[in-house]
C-alpha atoms as a PDB file:
ATOM      1  CA  UNK A   1      -8.615  -9.973  -5.458  1.00  0.00           C
ATOM      2  CA  UNK A   2      -8.244  -7.130  -7.894  1.00  0.00           C
ATOM      3  CA  UNK A   3     -10.142  -3.930  -7.398  1.00  0.00           C
ATOM      4  CA  UNK A   4     -12.033  -1.941  -9.999  1.00  0.00           C
ATOM      5  CA  UNK A   5     -11.276   1.640 -11.046  1.00  0.00           C
ATOM      6  CA  UNK A   6     -14.334   2.823  -9.110  1.00  0.00           C
ATOM      7  CA  UNK A   7     -13.097   1.111  -5.958  1.00  0.00           C
ATOM      8  CA  UNK A   8      -9.576   2.490  -6.521  1.00  0.00           C
ATOM      9  CA  UNK A   9     -10.961   6.062  -6.736  1.00  0.00           C
ATOM     10  CA  UNK A  10     -12.969   5.481  -3.546  1.00  0.00           C
ATOM     11  CA  UNK A  11      -9.887   4.167  -1.736  1.00  0.00           C
ATOM     12  CA  UNK A  12      -7.844   7.184  -2.910  1.00  0.00           C
ATOM     13  CA  UNK A  13     -10.276   9.423  -1.035  1.00  0.00           C
ATOM     14  CA  UNK A  14      -9.948   7.337   2.117  1.00  0.00           C
ATOM     15  CA  UNK A  15      -6.142   7.140   2.063  1.00  0.00           C
ATOM     16  CA  UNK A  16      -5.607  10.858   1.506  1.00  0.00           C
ATOM     17  CA  UNK A  17      -5.656  11.842   5.198  1.00  0.00           C
ATOM     18  CA  UNK A  18      -3.567   8.875   6.419  1.00  0.00           C
ATOM     19  CA  UNK A  19       0.045   9.192   7.480  1.00  0.00           C
ATOM     20  CA  UNK A  20       2.702   6.716   6.287  1.00  0.00           C
ATOM     21  CA  UNK A  21       2.944   3.716   8.611  1.00  0.00           C
ATOM     22  CA  UNK A  22       5.951   2.021   6.990  1.00  0.00           C
ATOM     23  CA  UNK A  23       9.116   3.559   5.548  1.00  0.00           C
ATOM     24  CA  UNK A  24      11.314   1.929   2.939  1.00  0.00           C
ATOM     25  CA  UNK A  25      14.833   3.031   3.786  1.00  0.00           C
ATOM     26  CA  UNK A  26      18.269   2.729   2.268  1.00  0.00           C
ATOM     27  CA  UNK A  27      18.485  -1.030   2.868  1.00  0.00           C
ATOM     28  CA  UNK A  28      15.699  -1.620   0.361  1.00  0.00           C
ATOM     29  CA  UNK A  29      13.032  -4.295   0.448  1.00  0.00           C
ATOM     30  CA  UNK A  30      14.158  -6.581   3.242  1.00  0.00           C
ATOM     31  CA  UNK A  31      12.317  -9.385   5.011  1.00  0.00           C
ATOM     32  CA  UNK A  32      11.845  -7.069   7.998  1.00  0.00           C
ATOM     33  CA  UNK A  33      10.278  -4.386   5.788  1.00  0.00           C
ATOM     34  CA  UNK A  34       7.906  -6.921   4.189  1.00  0.00           C
ATOM     35  CA  UNK A  35       6.946  -8.311   7.613  1.00  0.00           C
ATOM     36  CA  UNK A  36       6.192  -4.807   8.901  1.00  0.00           C
ATOM     37  CA  UNK A  37       4.143  -4.005   5.805  1.00  0.00           C
ATOM     38  CA  UNK A  38       2.278  -7.306   6.089  1.00  0.00           C
ATOM     39  CA  UNK A  39       1.430  -6.557   9.709  1.00  0.00           C
ATOM     40  CA  UNK A  40       0.244  -3.035   8.817  1.00  0.00           C
ATOM     41  CA  UNK A  41      -1.948  -4.379   5.980  1.00  0.00           C
ATOM     42  CA  UNK A  42      -3.481  -6.993   8.286  1.00  0.00           C
ATOM     43  CA  UNK A  43      -4.364  -4.357  10.866  1.00  0.00           C
ATOM     44  CA  UNK A  44      -5.399  -1.453   8.644  1.00  0.00           C
ATOM     45  CA  UNK A  45      -6.060  -2.931   5.169  1.00  0.00           C
ATOM     46  CA  UNK A  46      -5.357   0.495   3.612  1.00  0.00           C
ATOM     47  CA  UNK A  47      -1.919   2.001   4.246  1.00  0.00           C
ATOM     48  CA  UNK A  48       0.561   4.571   3.011  1.00  0.00           C
ATOM     49  CA  UNK A  49       4.262   3.866   2.811  1.00  0.00           C
ATOM     50  CA  UNK A  50       7.168   6.261   2.320  1.00  0.00           C
ATOM     51  CA  UNK A  51       9.668   5.197  -0.329  1.00  0.00           C
ATOM     52  CA  UNK A  52      13.014   6.923   0.205  1.00  0.00           C
ATOM     53  CA  UNK A  53      14.634   6.473  -3.186  1.00  0.00           C
ATOM     54  CA  UNK A  54      16.694   8.747  -5.395  1.00  0.00           C
ATOM     55  CA  UNK A  55      14.541   9.314  -8.448  1.00  0.00           C
ATOM     56  CA  UNK A  56      11.096   8.610  -9.858  1.00  0.00           C
ATOM     57  CA  UNK A  57      12.124   5.587 -11.925  1.00  0.00           C
ATOM     58  CA  UNK A  58      13.773   3.926  -8.944  1.00  0.00           C
ATOM     59  CA  UNK A  59      10.666   4.567  -6.799  1.00  0.00           C
ATOM     60  CA  UNK A  60       8.433   3.058  -9.496  1.00  0.00           C
ATOM     61  CA  UNK A  61      10.578  -0.082  -9.636  1.00  0.00           C
ATOM     62  CA  UNK A  62      10.554  -0.425  -5.848  1.00  0.00           C
ATOM     63  CA  UNK A  63       6.788   0.094  -5.672  1.00  0.00           C
ATOM     64  CA  UNK A  64       6.301  -2.605  -8.319  1.00  0.00           C
ATOM     65  CA  UNK A  65       8.440  -5.026  -6.325  1.00  0.00           C
ATOM     66  CA  UNK A  66       6.544  -4.193  -3.137  1.00  0.00           C
ATOM     67  CA  UNK A  67       3.239  -4.839  -4.893  1.00  0.00           C
ATOM     68  CA  UNK A  68       4.416  -8.233  -6.145  1.00  0.00           C
ATOM     69  CA  UNK A  69       5.873  -9.385  -2.838  1.00  0.00           C
ATOM     70  CA  UNK A  70       3.082  -8.103  -0.586  1.00  0.00           C
ATOM     71  CA  UNK A  71       0.204  -9.292  -2.812  1.00  0.00           C
ATOM     72  CA  UNK A  72      -1.509  -5.960  -2.183  1.00  0.00           C
ATOM     73  CA  UNK A  73      -3.371  -3.723  -4.614  1.00  0.00           C
ATOM     74  CA  UNK A  74      -1.491  -0.561  -5.523  1.00  0.00           C
ATOM     75  CA  UNK A  75      -3.797   2.457  -5.147  1.00  0.00           C
ATOM     76  CA  UNK A  76      -1.617   5.406  -6.182  1.00  0.00           C
ATOM     77  CA  UNK A  77       1.669   7.240  -5.720  1.00  0.00           C
ATOM     78  CA  UNK A  78       2.283  10.912  -5.071  1.00  0.00           C
ATOM     79  CA  UNK A  79       5.934  11.853  -4.791  1.00  0.00           C
ATOM     80  CA  UNK A  80       7.598   9.423  -2.415  1.00  0.00           C
ATOM     81  CA  UNK A  81       4.333   8.218  -0.832  1.00  0.00           C
ATOM     82  CA  UNK A  82       2.516   5.138  -2.113  1.00  0.00           C
ATOM     83  CA  UNK A  83      -0.810   3.681  -1.021  1.00  0.00           C
ATOM     84  CA  UNK A  84      -1.667  -0.023  -0.899  1.00  0.00           C
ATOM     85  CA  UNK A  85      -4.819  -2.009  -0.081  1.00  0.00           C
ATOM     86  CA  UNK A  86      -5.265  -5.644   0.868  1.00  0.00           C
ATOM     87  CA  UNK A  87      -8.529  -6.969   2.268  1.00  0.00           C
ATOM     88  CA  UNK A  88      -8.366  -8.913   5.512  1.00  0.00           C
ATOM     89  CA  UNK A  89     -11.305 -11.350   5.725  1.00  0.00           C
ATOM     90  CA  UNK A  90     -10.525 -12.107   9.395  1.00  0.00           C
ATOM     91  CA  UNK A  91     -10.879  -8.489  10.429  1.00  0.00           C
ATOM     92  CA  UNK A  92     -14.108  -7.855  12.390  1.00  0.00           C
ATOM     93  CA  UNK A  93     -14.909  -4.624  10.534  1.00  0.00           C
ATOM     94  CA  UNK A  94     -13.303  -4.699   7.076  1.00  0.00           C
ATOM     95  CA  UNK A  95     -13.299  -1.656   4.824  1.00  0.00           C
ATOM     96  CA  UNK A  96     -16.545  -1.869   2.841  1.00  0.00           C
ATOM     97  CA  UNK A  97     -15.671  -1.325  -0.810  1.00  0.00           C
ATOM     98  CA  UNK A  98     -18.366   0.075  -3.118  1.00  0.00           C
ATOM     99  CA  UNK A  99     -19.939  -2.305  -5.612  1.00  0.00           C
ATOM    100  CA  UNK A 100     -18.324  -2.761  -8.988  1.00  0.00           C
END
């Protein structure tokens, strides 16, 4: 499911106060990192991750790879923090997105 610009702006407001729940370290995108991120997305739907990479271009490449492998919607990036959203239909109280 892709989200609209309106929904992305709404999610940006909700993610602002959150702390990073997953950190991408020097080992890069490993199976363990993806499993941890998958678990965090299942529980929270909206998460922040910390990307510890040298420069902006490297962070952008890593964030793109994370987005592809996690099948999550990229919300935004500020510095070395990136926000992702993936709806969990099995969750009893999912995040209610505004209408398109």
